[in-house]
Amino acid sequence: MNISESKSVTVPELALIAATRGAIGFGAGLLLADKFKGERRKALGWSLFLSGLASTVPIAMHVFGKKQKHITEH
């Protein structure tokens, strides 16, 4: 697989990718912050972090696994 190969991503796919990145970031932030008390913060933080992380794999497989349509002019 060529990592530098360009891929086209639809707006809904981009939104889904952004949402999972946000969940991971927000979850990690909760784990590191002291805004909530102990167990509640940890439970919410781990839930968001792990759900964002787990959803990344199928999204990445979809985006990087789809075939590009090449338009050729003759």
N, C-alpha and C. Protein backbone atom coordinates (compact mmCIF):
# COMPACT_ATOMS: atom_id res chain seq x y z
N MET A 1 0.84 -1.18 0.00
CA MET A 1 0.00 0.00 0.00
C MET A 1 0.89 1.24 0.00
N ASN A 2 0.59 2.14 -0.87
CA ASN A 2 1.33 3.39 -0.99
C ASN A 2 0.65 4.44 -0.12
N ILE A 3 1.29 4.86 0.97
CA ILE A 3 0.70 5.82 1.89
C ILE A 3 0.54 7.20 1.25
N SER A 4 1.43 7.56 0.35
CA SER A 4 1.36 8.88 -0.25
C SER A 4 0.32 8.97 -1.37
N GLU A 5 -0.32 7.85 -1.68
CA GLU A 5 -1.36 7.84 -2.70
C GLU A 5 -2.56 8.66 -2.22
N SER A 6 -3.07 9.52 -3.07
CA SER A 6 -4.19 10.36 -2.66
C SER A 6 -5.49 9.56 -2.67
N LYS A 7 -6.37 9.90 -1.74
CA LYS A 7 -7.67 9.27 -1.62
C LYS A 7 -8.72 10.37 -1.59
N SER A 8 -9.86 10.07 -2.17
CA SER A 8 -10.96 11.03 -2.08
C SER A 8 -11.87 10.57 -0.94
N VAL A 9 -12.34 11.53 -0.16
CA VAL A 9 -13.18 11.25 0.99
C VAL A 9 -14.42 12.11 0.87
N THR A 10 -15.58 11.49 1.09
CA THR A 10 -16.83 12.24 1.02
C THR A 10 -17.00 13.06 2.30
N VAL A 11 -17.89 14.02 2.28
CA VAL A 11 -18.14 14.86 3.44
C VAL A 11 -18.63 14.02 4.63
N PRO A 12 -19.58 13.09 4.45
CA PRO A 12 -19.99 12.26 5.60
C PRO A 12 -18.84 11.42 6.16
N GLU A 13 -17.98 10.91 5.30
CA GLU A 13 -16.82 10.15 5.78
C GLU A 13 -15.89 11.05 6.58
N LEU A 14 -15.68 12.25 6.10
CA LEU A 14 -14.82 13.20 6.80
C LEU A 14 -15.41 13.56 8.16
N ALA A 15 -16.72 13.74 8.21
CA ALA A 15 -17.39 14.05 9.48
C ALA A 15 -17.25 12.89 10.46
N LEU A 16 -17.38 11.67 9.96
CA LEU A 16 -17.24 10.50 10.81
C LEU A 16 -15.82 10.37 11.34
N ILE A 17 -14.84 10.62 10.50
CA ILE A 17 -13.45 10.58 10.93
C ILE A 17 -13.21 11.66 11.98
N ALA A 18 -13.72 12.86 11.76
CA ALA A 18 -13.54 13.95 12.72
C ALA A 18 -14.22 13.63 14.05
N ALA A 19 -15.40 13.02 14.00
CA ALA A 19 -16.10 12.66 15.23
C ALA A 19 -15.33 11.64 16.05
N THR A 20 -14.73 10.65 15.38
CA THR A 20 -13.96 9.65 16.13
C THR A 20 -12.70 10.27 16.71
N ARG A 21 -12.08 11.17 15.97
CA ARG A 21 -10.89 11.86 16.50
C ARG A 21 -11.29 12.69 17.71
N GLY A 22 -12.45 13.33 17.61
CA GLY A 22 -12.94 14.13 18.72
C GLY A 22 -13.24 13.29 19.95
N ALA A 23 -13.84 12.11 19.75
CA ALA A 23 -14.13 11.22 20.88
C ALA A 23 -12.85 10.76 21.56
N ILE A 24 -11.85 10.43 20.76
CA ILE A 24 -10.57 10.01 21.34
C ILE A 24 -9.95 11.16 22.12
N GLY A 25 -9.94 12.34 21.53
CA GLY A 25 -9.37 13.50 22.20
C GLY A 25 -10.11 13.89 23.46
N PHE A 26 -11.43 13.89 23.38
CA PHE A 26 -12.23 14.26 24.54
C PHE A 26 -12.07 13.22 25.64
N GLY A 27 -12.06 11.94 25.24
CA GLY A 27 -11.86 10.88 26.22
C GLY A 27 -10.51 10.98 26.89
N ALA A 28 -9.47 11.21 26.10
CA ALA A 28 -8.13 11.36 26.67
C ALA A 28 -8.06 12.59 27.57
N GLY A 29 -8.74 13.67 27.18
CA GLY A 29 -8.77 14.87 28.01
C GLY A 29 -9.44 14.63 29.35
N LEU A 30 -10.54 13.88 29.34
CA LEU A 30 -11.21 13.55 30.59
C LEU A 30 -10.33 12.68 31.49
N LEU A 31 -9.60 11.79 30.87
CA LEU A 31 -8.72 10.94 31.66
C LEU A 31 -7.61 11.75 32.32
N LEU A 32 -7.20 12.82 31.68
CA LEU A 32 -6.11 13.62 32.20
C LEU A 32 -6.57 14.79 33.06
N ALA A 33 -7.84 15.15 32.98
CA ALA A 33 -8.36 16.32 33.69
C ALA A 33 -8.92 15.92 35.06
N ASP A 34 -9.12 16.92 35.89
CA ASP A 34 -9.69 16.68 37.22
C ASP A 34 -11.04 17.38 37.38
N LYS A 35 -11.78 17.53 36.28
CA LYS A 35 -13.06 18.23 36.33
C LYS A 35 -14.16 17.38 36.96
N PHE A 36 -14.12 16.07 36.74
CA PHE A 36 -15.09 15.16 37.32
C PHE A 36 -14.40 14.38 38.43
N LYS A 37 -15.18 13.85 39.31
CA LYS A 37 -14.61 13.06 40.40
C LYS A 37 -14.24 11.67 39.90
N GLY A 38 -13.13 11.20 40.33
CA GLY A 38 -12.51 9.90 40.09
C GLY A 38 -13.16 8.91 39.17
N GLU A 39 -13.99 8.03 39.70
CA GLU A 39 -14.52 6.90 38.93
C GLU A 39 -15.42 7.33 37.78
N ARG A 40 -16.22 8.34 37.99
CA ARG A 40 -17.13 8.82 36.93
C ARG A 40 -16.32 9.35 35.75
N ARG A 41 -15.31 10.14 36.04
CA ARG A 41 -14.44 10.70 34.99
C ARG A 41 -13.72 9.59 34.25
N LYS A 42 -13.18 8.64 34.98
CA LYS A 42 -12.45 7.54 34.35
C LYS A 42 -13.36 6.69 33.47
N ALA A 43 -14.56 6.40 33.95
CA ALA A 43 -15.50 5.60 33.16
C ALA A 43 -15.88 6.31 31.86
N LEU A 44 -16.22 7.58 31.95
CA LEU A 44 -16.58 8.35 30.77
C LEU A 44 -15.39 8.52 29.84
N GLY A 45 -14.25 8.83 30.40
CA GLY A 45 -13.04 9.01 29.59
C GLY A 45 -12.65 7.75 28.85
N TRP A 46 -12.62 6.63 29.55
CA TRP A 46 -12.26 5.36 28.90
C TRP A 46 -13.29 4.96 27.85
N SER A 47 -14.57 5.19 28.14
CA SER A 47 -15.62 4.85 27.17
C SER A 47 -15.45 5.63 25.87
N LEU A 48 -15.26 6.93 25.98
CA LEU A 48 -15.09 7.76 24.78
C LEU A 48 -13.79 7.41 24.05
N PHE A 49 -12.72 7.27 24.80
CA PHE A 49 -11.43 6.97 24.19
C PHE A 49 -11.46 5.64 23.46
N LEU A 50 -11.96 4.60 24.11
CA LEU A 50 -11.96 3.27 23.50
C LEU A 50 -12.97 3.15 22.36
N SER A 51 -14.12 3.81 22.47
CA SER A 51 -15.09 3.75 21.37
C SER A 51 -14.55 4.49 20.15
N GLY A 52 -13.89 5.61 20.36
CA GLY A 52 -13.27 6.34 19.25
C GLY A 52 -12.16 5.53 18.62
N LEU A 53 -11.35 4.89 19.45
CA LEU A 53 -10.26 4.07 18.96
C LEU A 53 -10.78 2.86 18.19
N ALA A 54 -11.80 2.19 18.75
CA ALA A 54 -12.36 1.00 18.11
C ALA A 54 -13.04 1.33 16.78
N SER A 55 -13.66 2.48 16.69
CA SER A 55 -14.34 2.84 15.44
C SER A 55 -13.36 3.30 14.37
N THR A 56 -12.15 3.61 14.75
CA THR A 56 -11.15 4.06 13.79
C THR A 56 -10.78 2.96 12.80
N VAL A 57 -10.66 1.74 13.27
CA VAL A 57 -10.23 0.63 12.41
C VAL A 57 -11.19 0.40 11.25
N PRO A 58 -12.49 0.21 11.49
CA PRO A 58 -13.38 -0.01 10.33
C PRO A 58 -13.47 1.20 9.40
N ILE A 59 -13.40 2.41 9.96
CA ILE A 59 -13.45 3.60 9.11
C ILE A 59 -12.20 3.66 8.24
N ALA A 60 -11.05 3.41 8.83
CA ALA A 60 -9.80 3.44 8.06
C ALA A 60 -9.82 2.35 6.98
N MET A 61 -10.33 1.17 7.32
CA MET A 61 -10.41 0.10 6.32
C MET A 61 -11.33 0.50 5.17
N HIS A 62 -12.42 1.20 5.50
CA HIS A 62 -13.34 1.65 4.45
C HIS A 62 -12.70 2.70 3.55
N VAL A 63 -12.08 3.70 4.18
CA VAL A 63 -11.51 4.81 3.41
C VAL A 63 -10.32 4.34 2.58
N PHE A 64 -9.41 3.60 3.19
CA PHE A 64 -8.20 3.19 2.48
C PHE A 64 -8.41 1.96 1.61
N GLY A 65 -9.51 1.25 1.81
CA GLY A 65 -9.76 0.05 1.03
C GLY A 65 -10.61 0.28 -0.20
N LYS A 66 -11.27 1.42 -0.28
CA LYS A 66 -12.15 1.63 -1.44
C LYS A 66 -11.34 1.96 -2.68
N LYS A 67 -11.83 1.50 -3.78
CA LYS A 67 -11.16 1.72 -5.05
C LYS A 67 -11.48 3.10 -5.60
N GLN A 68 -10.49 3.71 -6.18
CA GLN A 68 -10.67 5.02 -6.79
C GLN A 68 -11.23 4.83 -8.21
N LYS A 69 -12.17 5.68 -8.56
CA LYS A 69 -12.67 5.69 -9.93
C LYS A 69 -11.82 6.62 -10.75
N HIS A 70 -11.22 6.09 -11.77
CA HIS A 70 -10.38 6.90 -12.63
C HIS A 70 -11.17 7.34 -13.85
N ILE A 71 -11.17 8.61 -14.10
CA ILE A 71 -11.86 9.14 -15.29
C ILE A 71 -10.80 9.35 -16.35
N THR A 72 -10.97 8.66 -17.42
CA THR A 72 -10.00 8.81 -18.50
C THR A 72 -10.70 9.43 -19.70
N GLU A 73 -10.01 10.35 -20.32
CA GLU A 73 -10.53 10.98 -21.53
C GLU A 73 -9.79 10.44 -22.71
N HIS A 74 -10.53 10.09 -23.72
CA HIS A 74 -9.91 9.58 -24.95
C HIS A 74 -10.17 10.52 -26.08
